[in-house]
Protein backbone atom coordinates (compact mmCIF):
# COMPACT_ATOMS: atom_id res chain seq x y z
CA MET A 1 57.31 -98.96 134.09
CA ALA A 2 54.09 -100.43 135.44
CA ASP A 3 53.86 -102.99 138.22
CA PHE A 4 51.00 -104.95 136.61
CA TYR A 5 49.36 -105.17 133.18
CA ILE A 6 46.03 -105.87 131.57
CA ASN A 7 46.41 -107.80 128.32
CA ILE A 8 43.87 -107.01 125.62
CA PHE A 9 44.11 -109.53 122.80
CA LEU A 10 43.35 -108.00 119.44
CA GLU A 11 41.42 -109.35 116.52
CA GLY A 12 38.83 -107.88 114.19
CA GLU A 13 37.05 -104.87 115.70
CA LYS A 14 39.49 -104.43 118.60
CA LEU A 15 42.49 -104.36 116.28
CA LYS A 16 40.72 -101.78 114.10
CA LYS A 17 40.04 -99.56 117.15
CA ILE A 18 43.73 -99.69 118.11
CA GLU A 19 44.75 -98.83 114.53
CA ASP A 20 42.22 -95.96 114.37
CA ALA A 21 43.59 -94.60 117.66
CA GLY A 22 47.09 -94.54 116.15
CA LEU A 23 48.43 -97.09 118.60
CA THR A 24 49.71 -99.77 116.21
CA ASP A 25 53.25 -99.25 117.51
CA GLU A 26 52.00 -100.42 120.94
CA VAL A 27 50.84 -103.83 119.62
CA LYS A 28 52.94 -106.69 121.02
CA ASP A 29 53.14 -110.42 120.58
CA VAL A 30 51.85 -112.10 123.75
CA ASN A 31 51.78 -115.90 123.66
CA GLY A 32 51.64 -115.84 119.86
CA LYS A 33 48.70 -113.41 119.71
CA LYS A 34 48.53 -109.69 118.97
CA ALA A 35 47.84 -107.70 122.11
CA VAL A 36 48.23 -104.36 123.83
CA GLN A 37 49.23 -104.11 127.46
CA VAL A 38 47.71 -101.46 129.70
CA GLY A 39 49.95 -100.75 132.67
CA MET A 40 48.65 -100.23 136.18
CA THR A 41 49.95 -99.53 139.65
CA LYS A 42 49.81 -101.75 142.74
CA LYS A 43 46.88 -99.64 143.98
CA ASP A 44 44.94 -100.22 140.73
CA HIS A 45 45.80 -103.93 141.00
CA LYS A 46 44.28 -104.10 144.50
CA LYS A 47 41.10 -102.40 143.31
CA LEU A 48 40.74 -104.77 140.35
CA ILE A 49 41.23 -107.80 142.61
CA LYS A 50 38.46 -106.47 144.88
CA GLY A 51 36.17 -105.78 141.92
CA PHE A 52 36.86 -108.99 140.00
CA LYS A 53 37.34 -111.88 142.44
CA GLU A 54 38.04 -114.36 139.62
CA LEU A 55 40.87 -112.30 138.15
CA THR A 56 44.20 -114.13 137.93
CA PHE A 57 47.64 -112.82 137.05
CA ASP A 58 50.31 -114.77 135.16
CA ASP A 59 54.07 -114.90 135.79
CA SER A 60 54.55 -111.57 134.01
CA ASN A 61 51.99 -109.86 136.32
CA ALA A 62 49.43 -109.62 133.51
CA CYS A 63 45.72 -110.48 133.49
CA VAL A 64 42.78 -110.51 131.11
CA LEU A 65 39.61 -108.71 132.18
CA PRO A 66 36.11 -110.18 131.82
CA GLU A 67 34.52 -109.27 128.47
CA ASP A 68 32.31 -106.39 129.68
CA ALA A 69 35.17 -104.72 131.54
CA GLU A 70 37.52 -105.25 128.61
CA ASN A 71 35.01 -103.62 126.25
CA THR A 72 34.76 -100.64 128.63
CA LEU A 73 38.55 -100.35 128.73
CA MET A 74 38.79 -100.59 124.92
CA GLY A 75 36.27 -97.76 124.60
CA ILE A 76 38.34 -95.57 126.92
CA ILE A 77 41.53 -96.38 124.99
CA ALA A 78 39.85 -95.54 121.69
CA ASP A 79 38.46 -92.25 123.05
CA MET A 80 41.70 -91.13 124.71
CA LYS A 81 43.97 -92.54 121.97
CA SER A 82 46.41 -93.74 124.62
CA LEU A 83 47.23 -96.83 126.68
CA ASP A 84 47.98 -94.64 129.70
CA VAL A 85 44.36 -94.64 130.82
CA MET A 86 44.20 -96.48 134.16
CA LYS A 87 43.85 -93.36 136.34
CA PHE A 88 40.56 -92.69 134.54
CA ALA A 89 39.59 -96.27 133.65
CA ILE A 90 39.78 -97.58 137.21
CA THR A 91 36.85 -95.33 138.13
CA LYS A 92 34.77 -97.01 135.43
CA LEU A 93 35.98 -100.55 136.13
CA TYR A 94 35.98 -100.59 139.94
CA ASN A 95 32.82 -100.05 141.91
CA PRO A 96 33.69 -100.03 145.63
CA LEU A 97 30.04 -100.52 146.58
CA ALA A 98 29.43 -103.57 144.38
CA GLY A 99 27.74 -106.31 146.34
CA ARG A 100 26.96 -104.14 149.36
CA ASP A 101 23.48 -103.92 150.75
CA ILE A 102 21.73 -100.58 150.34
CA SER A 103 21.41 -100.36 154.13
CA GLY A 104 25.17 -100.70 154.63
CA ARG A 105 27.52 -98.39 156.47
CA GLY A 106 26.53 -94.80 156.99
CA THR A 107 22.79 -95.20 156.69
CA GLY A 108 22.08 -95.49 160.40
CA GLY A 109 20.34 -98.83 159.82
CA ARG A 110 17.43 -97.24 158.00
């Protein structure tokens, strides 16, 4: 069981991608809407918080990603035909160098 979740609310194209991936049995009712929940570890949670400062988690330890990141995650889910994708997806969603100056650590001040 995961420590935290990413909720992806489904309608139209997103629902079709989930159906095409054979994941309709993973669709849940979250606050009256169809959704899938992608589980993640505490380590993934920390990385997402660093990468998305505005990210908030509800009482059930679930969040909703910004649209661009959610679209990236949906693409990975569709390609891998699984919701167990965070080990791979975190590398696409989290950029540890985001916001750092090009002359940051390790450049010798050049």
